[in-house]
Amino acid sequence: MIIANPLYDIVFKYLLEDVEITRALLSTILGEEVQSVEVKPQETSTETSGDIRILRFDFKAVIKKPNGEISKVLIELQKAKKAFNAMRFRRYLGDNYRKEDEVLNERGLPEKRPLPIVTIYFLGFSLNSIPSGVVKINREYIDVVTQEKLDIKEEFVELLTHDSYLIQVQKLGHATKSRIERVLQIFSPIYQSPNDRHQLDFQGDTDDPLVRRMAERLGRAIASEEIRDKMDVEDELERAFDRELSKKDEIIAEQEGIILEKDKLLIEEKQRAEEEKQRAEAEIQKNLELQKQIEELKKQIKP
C-alpha cells in the first residue's frame, strides 16, 4: 500500500489532525485509555532553531487508568528528524511546566491548577546507547534507606516530575512482538520507496483498525498535490541544512588544521629551544672543564 512518508512534518501534522487517530495513537503509546484529547492550534508549531526543525504538539487529554481513575494530563509530543542539542526540547518542556488549566477541586468547583505532564519524542535518528525502538522512562518512589519501592502517588511530586516515551523510528523493524510495535511500524523507514522518499510501500498489519485508518489517511496525503509540494519544500530546507552543516564542518576542519599546524610549530620551537639549551649547557661544561685543566697546568708549572 503506497502511503505518504509520515516523517515529513507536513504529513505527520496532517495525520494527527484526525482527532480519532490522535486519541487512539496516544492510547496505544501510553498503554492507557485516552477518553478525549484536545489540541490548541496556536500550540501546534514547527520550531526552527538555526540548524534543527522540531515539530511540536501540546495535547490536553482525559485519561482513564486501569484502576478506573480519571485524570487530566498535558501531553507534549515533539518530533525531530536529526540529532540536536537536548536543551531545545527542555526549553519547550519548561513552557508547559508554567501552564495552568481549569480543573475541578475537591468541592467540585473549577480552579486553575498545573496539569501532570507526559512527554513523547519521535526521533528520526538513533540513540546509540538505547537499542529498543520504543522506550518508557517512568518514575518510581523508592525509600533510599531500605531500598523499598513505595506503591504511592503524591500530587506534589507528580506535578514536579513526568514520564517520557522515546520512539526511535530507525529501530522499528519488520519483526514485531506487540501491538504497539505493529502500530508504530507505519513510521518505520524500512518501507521507504527506493525511488521516492516522499512515500512508503507499507506492508504492515492493516488488519489492525488503527493501522488501517492511519494508512488510509496517509494514502490520501500522498495523493494531495499540495502536501507533496510542501514535502518538496522540506526536502529543500533539509538540503540547505546539510549544505550549511557541510560548510561548518569544512570551517571546523580548517580551523583544526590551523590549530594542529600551530601546535606542530610550537612543539618544533620547543624542541629547538631545548636543543639550544642543551648545547649551551654542554658549552658551559666544556669551558668549565677547560678552565679546570688550565688551573691544573698552572699548578704544575709553578716554580
Protein backbone atom coordinates (compact mmCIF):
# COMPACT_ATOMS: atom_id res chain seq x y z
CA MET A 1 0.00 0.00 0.00
CA ILE A 2 1.52 3.31 -1.09
CA ILE A 3 1.29 6.00 1.62
CA ALA A 4 2.91 9.36 2.38
CA ASN A 5 6.05 9.26 4.49
CA PRO A 6 4.85 10.35 7.96
CA LEU A 7 8.33 11.51 8.99
CA TYR A 8 7.76 14.65 6.94
CA ASP A 9 6.46 17.39 9.21
CA ILE A 10 3.56 18.29 6.92
CA VAL A 11 2.47 14.64 6.71
CA PHE A 12 2.89 13.99 10.44
CA LYS A 13 0.80 17.05 11.20
CA TYR A 14 -1.85 16.02 8.64
CA LEU A 15 -2.04 12.58 10.25
CA LEU A 16 -2.59 13.96 13.75
CA GLU A 17 -5.22 16.44 12.59
CA ASP A 18 -7.55 13.44 12.65
CA VAL A 19 -8.56 13.61 16.32
CA GLU A 20 -9.70 9.98 16.47
CA ILE A 21 -6.33 8.80 15.11
CA THR A 22 -4.55 11.01 17.64
CA ARG A 23 -6.66 9.69 20.52
CA ALA A 24 -6.11 6.06 19.53
CA LEU A 25 -2.39 6.54 18.85
CA LEU A 26 -1.82 8.22 22.22
CA SER A 27 -3.80 5.44 23.94
CA THR A 28 -1.56 2.85 22.28
CA ILE A 29 1.68 4.60 23.24
CA LEU A 30 0.63 5.34 26.83
CA GLY A 31 -0.98 1.94 27.39
CA GLU A 32 -3.97 3.72 28.95
CA GLU A 33 -7.36 4.73 27.59
CA VAL A 34 -7.32 8.32 26.33
CA GLN A 35 -11.02 9.17 26.51
CA SER A 36 -10.72 12.60 24.90
CA VAL A 37 -7.98 14.79 23.51
CA GLU A 38 -7.77 18.48 22.69
CA VAL A 39 -5.07 20.33 20.81
CA LYS A 40 -4.95 24.10 20.59
CA PRO A 41 -3.91 25.21 17.08
CA GLN A 42 -1.70 28.01 18.41
CA GLU A 43 0.23 25.41 20.39
CA THR A 44 0.99 23.32 17.32
CA SER A 45 4.08 24.64 15.60
CA THR A 46 7.21 23.80 13.69
CA GLU A 47 10.15 25.36 15.50
CA THR A 48 13.33 26.27 13.63
CA SER A 49 16.33 26.87 15.87
CA GLY A 50 19.15 27.70 13.49
CA ASP A 51 20.06 24.18 12.47
CA ILE A 52 17.22 21.90 13.56
CA ARG A 53 13.50 21.66 12.86
CA ILE A 54 11.27 20.39 15.67
CA LEU A 55 7.56 19.70 15.23
CA ARG A 56 5.72 20.23 18.49
CA PHE A 57 2.19 19.41 19.68
CA ASP A 58 0.60 20.09 23.06
CA PHE A 59 -2.46 17.99 23.87
CA LYS A 60 -4.81 18.20 26.82
CA ALA A 61 -6.15 14.69 27.40
CA VAL A 62 -8.54 12.95 29.75
CA ILE A 63 -7.12 9.53 30.64
CA LYS A 64 -8.78 6.56 32.29
CA LYS A 65 -6.26 4.47 34.20
CA PRO A 66 -6.52 0.66 34.58
CA ASN A 67 -7.82 1.13 38.16
CA GLY A 68 -10.68 3.28 36.86
CA GLU A 69 -9.20 6.61 38.00
CA ILE A 70 -9.89 9.52 35.63
CA SER A 71 -7.21 12.20 35.27
CA LYS A 72 -6.50 15.18 33.06
CA VAL A 73 -2.94 15.50 31.76
CA LEU A 74 -0.90 17.59 29.38
CA ILE A 75 0.81 15.52 26.68
CA GLU A 76 3.74 17.12 24.91
CA LEU A 77 4.71 15.43 21.66
CA GLN A 78 7.79 16.50 19.74
CA LYS A 79 9.35 15.14 16.55
CA ALA A 80 12.80 15.79 15.13
CA LYS A 81 14.49 14.21 12.10
CA LYS A 82 18.09 14.95 13.03
CA ALA A 83 20.22 14.85 16.16
CA PHE A 84 20.15 18.05 18.18
CA ASN A 85 21.08 19.76 21.41
CA ALA A 86 18.66 18.46 24.08
CA MET A 87 18.35 21.99 25.52
CA ARG A 88 15.88 22.78 22.73
CA PHE A 89 13.45 20.13 23.92
CA ARG A 90 13.99 21.26 27.53
CA ARG A 91 13.02 24.82 26.61
CA TYR A 92 9.63 23.70 25.25
CA LEU A 93 9.08 21.45 28.26
CA GLY A 94 9.74 24.38 30.57
CA ASP A 95 6.97 26.33 28.84
CA ASN A 96 4.46 23.60 29.71
CA TYR A 97 5.54 23.41 33.36
CA ARG A 98 4.43 27.05 33.70
CA LYS A 99 0.95 26.42 32.26
CA GLU A 100 -2.23 26.04 34.32
CA ASP A 101 -5.62 24.65 33.34
CA GLU A 102 -9.09 24.71 34.82
CA VAL A 103 -9.90 21.59 36.86
CA LEU A 104 -12.49 20.71 39.49
CA ASN A 105 -11.27 20.78 43.08
CA GLU A 106 -12.37 18.53 45.96
CA ARG A 107 -15.59 20.60 46.37
CA GLY A 108 -16.43 20.27 42.68
CA LEU A 109 -15.59 23.89 41.96
CA PRO A 110 -13.41 24.97 38.99
CA GLU A 111 -9.98 26.35 39.76
CA LYS A 112 -6.68 26.89 37.96
CA ARG A 113 -4.04 24.21 38.56
CA PRO A 114 -0.98 22.86 36.75
CA LEU A 115 -1.54 19.55 34.98
CA PRO A 116 0.69 16.48 35.18
CA ILE A 117 2.88 16.23 32.07
CA VAL A 118 3.73 13.29 29.82
CA THR A 119 6.29 13.73 27.04
CA ILE A 120 6.53 11.71 23.81
CA TYR A 121 9.53 12.08 21.50
CA PHE A 122 9.52 10.79 17.91
CA LEU A 123 13.18 10.66 16.87
CA GLY A 124 14.27 10.30 13.26
CA PHE A 125 17.78 9.48 14.45
CA SER A 126 19.14 6.76 16.74
CA LEU A 127 20.48 6.96 20.27
CA ASN A 128 23.48 4.61 20.37
CA SER A 129 23.04 3.51 23.98
CA ILE A 130 19.33 2.59 23.61
CA PRO A 131 18.75 -0.45 21.36
CA SER A 132 14.94 -0.55 21.64
CA GLY A 133 12.59 1.21 19.25
CA VAL A 134 10.07 2.15 21.95
CA VAL A 135 11.15 3.01 25.49
CA LYS A 136 9.27 4.33 28.52
CA ILE A 137 11.15 6.30 31.17
CA ASN A 138 8.95 6.32 34.26
CA ARG A 139 9.17 7.37 37.87
CA GLU A 140 9.37 5.24 40.98
CA TYR A 141 9.08 6.18 44.65
CA ILE A 142 11.92 4.42 46.49
CA ASP A 143 12.83 4.60 50.17
CA VAL A 144 16.55 5.35 49.93
CA VAL A 145 17.29 3.82 53.36
CA THR A 146 15.51 0.48 52.85
CA GLN A 147 15.57 0.48 49.03
CA GLU A 148 11.89 -0.47 49.23
CA LYS A 149 9.70 0.53 46.25
CA LEU A 150 6.74 2.53 47.58
CA ASP A 151 3.37 1.93 45.93
CA ILE A 152 2.16 5.52 46.28
CA LYS A 153 1.40 8.63 44.23
CA GLU A 154 1.72 12.16 45.61
CA GLU A 155 0.25 15.07 43.65
CA PHE A 156 3.05 17.43 44.71
CA VAL A 157 5.65 15.04 43.27
CA GLU A 158 3.60 14.20 40.20
CA LEU A 159 3.46 17.88 39.23
CA LEU A 160 7.24 18.26 39.55
CA THR A 161 8.23 15.17 37.56
CA HIS A 162 6.98 13.42 34.45
CA ASP A 163 7.04 10.18 32.44
CA SER A 164 8.59 10.11 28.97
CA TYR A 165 8.33 7.89 25.91
CA LEU A 166 11.07 7.61 23.27
CA ILE A 167 10.21 6.31 19.81
CA GLN A 168 13.25 5.70 17.60
CA VAL A 169 11.75 5.15 14.16
CA GLN A 170 15.07 3.91 12.75
CA LYS A 171 14.83 0.92 15.12
CA LEU A 172 11.28 -0.08 14.20
CA GLY A 173 11.90 -3.15 12.05
CA HIS A 174 9.88 -5.88 10.32
CA ALA A 175 9.76 -8.16 13.36
CA THR A 176 7.16 -7.16 15.96
CA LYS A 177 6.34 -8.63 19.37
CA SER A 178 3.49 -6.37 20.49
CA ARG A 179 0.63 -4.27 19.19
CA ILE A 180 2.44 -1.01 19.88
CA GLU A 181 5.25 -2.12 17.56
CA ARG A 182 2.74 -3.11 14.87
CA VAL A 183 1.03 0.28 15.13
CA LEU A 184 4.24 2.31 15.13
CA GLN A 185 5.60 0.33 12.17
CA ILE A 186 3.80 2.79 9.93
CA PHE A 187 6.51 5.33 10.83
CA SER A 188 9.37 2.94 10.01
CA PRO A 189 11.73 3.94 7.15
CA ILE A 190 12.13 0.25 6.21
CA TYR A 191 9.16 0.73 3.86
CA GLN A 192 10.57 3.83 2.16
CA SER A 193 10.35 3.69 -1.61
CA PRO A 194 13.83 3.50 -3.21
CA ASN A 195 12.78 5.93 -5.94
CA ASP A 196 10.70 8.43 -3.96
CA ARG A 197 11.48 9.32 -0.35
CA HIS A 198 8.09 11.03 -0.13
CA GLN A 199 6.29 7.71 0.03
CA LEU A 200 6.34 4.33 1.76
CA ASP A 201 5.31 1.00 0.31
CA PHE A 202 3.69 -0.03 3.58
CA GLN A 203 3.40 -3.77 4.17
CA GLY A 204 2.38 -3.70 7.83
CA ASP A 205 -0.65 -5.05 9.67
CA THR A 206 -3.62 -3.25 8.08
CA ASP A 207 -5.99 -5.70 9.82
CA ASP A 208 -5.49 -3.55 12.93
CA PRO A 209 -8.23 -0.85 12.85
CA LEU A 210 -5.87 1.96 13.91
CA VAL A 211 -3.16 0.97 11.44
CA ARG A 212 -5.74 0.74 8.67
CA ARG A 213 -7.16 4.17 9.49
CA MET A 214 -3.68 5.75 9.58
CA ALA A 215 -2.69 4.04 6.32
CA GLU A 216 -5.86 5.24 4.59
CA ARG A 217 -5.26 8.83 5.74
CA LEU A 218 -1.62 8.69 4.66
CA GLY A 219 -2.78 7.28 1.32
CA ARG A 220 -4.92 10.38 0.84
CA ALA A 221 -1.95 12.54 1.80
CA ILE A 222 0.33 11.13 -0.91
CA ALA A 223 -2.41 11.85 -3.46
CA SER A 224 -2.54 15.51 -2.43
CA GLU A 225 -0.53 17.78 -4.71
CA GLU A 226 -0.44 20.48 -2.01
CA ILE A 227 1.09 18.11 0.54
CA ARG A 228 3.63 16.78 -1.98
CA ASP A 229 4.66 20.38 -2.79
CA LYS A 230 5.21 21.07 0.90
CA MET A 231 7.26 17.88 1.17
CA ASP A 232 9.45 19.26 -1.63
CA VAL A 233 9.92 22.42 0.43
CA GLU A 234 11.01 20.31 3.42
CA ASP A 235 13.48 18.49 1.17
CA GLU A 236 14.99 21.80 0.07
CA LEU A 237 15.21 23.01 3.67
CA GLU A 238 16.95 19.75 4.61
CA ARG A 239 19.39 20.09 1.70
CA ALA A 240 20.11 23.67 2.75
CA PHE A 241 20.68 22.44 6.29
CA ASP A 242 23.07 19.74 5.04
CA ARG A 243 24.96 22.29 2.90
CA GLU A 244 25.26 24.63 5.86
CA LEU A 245 26.37 21.77 8.07
CA SER A 246 28.95 20.75 5.45
CA LYS A 247 30.28 24.32 5.36
CA LYS A 248 30.52 24.35 9.14
CA ASP A 249 32.37 21.02 9.06
CA GLU A 250 34.81 22.42 6.48
CA ILE A 251 35.41 25.55 8.58
CA ILE A 252 35.91 23.43 11.70
CA ALA A 253 38.28 21.10 9.83
CA GLU A 254 40.22 24.09 8.51
CA GLN A 255 40.43 25.64 11.97
CA GLU A 256 41.51 22.32 13.46
CA GLY A 257 44.18 22.08 10.74
CA ILE A 258 45.45 25.56 11.62
CA ILE A 259 45.50 24.65 15.31
CA LEU A 260 47.37 21.42 14.58
CA GLU A 261 49.91 23.30 12.45
CA LYS A 262 50.40 25.87 15.19
CA ASP A 263 50.77 23.09 17.75
CA LYS A 264 53.36 21.44 15.49
CA LEU A 265 55.30 24.70 15.15
CA LEU A 266 55.18 25.24 18.90
CA ILE A 267 56.46 21.71 19.52
CA GLU A 268 59.25 22.19 16.98
CA GLU A 269 60.14 25.56 18.52
CA LYS A 270 60.17 23.97 21.98
CA GLN A 271 62.43 21.19 20.69
CA ARG A 272 64.81 23.74 19.13
CA ALA A 273 64.89 25.74 22.35
CA GLU A 274 65.58 22.56 24.34
CA GLU A 275 68.38 21.57 21.94
CA GLU A 276 69.86 25.09 22.14
CA LYS A 277 69.71 24.92 25.92
CA GLN A 278 71.48 21.55 25.90
CA ARG A 279 74.19 22.90 23.55
CA ALA A 280 74.68 25.95 25.77
CA GLU A 281 74.91 23.75 28.87
CA ALA A 282 77.39 21.48 27.09
CA GLU A 283 79.47 24.50 26.06
CA ILE A 284 79.48 25.81 29.63
CA GLN A 285 80.52 22.38 30.90
CA LYS A 286 83.25 22.23 28.28
CA ASN A 287 84.53 25.69 29.31
CA LEU A 288 84.48 24.68 32.96
CA GLU A 289 86.49 21.57 32.22
CA LEU A 290 88.93 23.61 30.12
CA GLN A 291 89.27 26.14 32.93
CA LYS A 292 89.95 23.32 35.34
CA GLN A 293 92.64 21.91 33.06
CA ILE A 294 94.27 25.33 32.80
CA GLU A 295 94.32 25.64 36.58
CA GLU A 296 95.92 22.22 36.86
CA LEU A 297 98.61 23.18 34.32
CA LYS A 298 99.30 26.39 36.21
CA LYS A 299 99.88 24.38 39.34
CA GLN A 300 102.28 22.03 37.54
CA ILE A 301 104.49 24.79 36.03
CA LYS A 302 104.52 26.94 39.15
CA PRO A 303 108.21 27.17 40.44
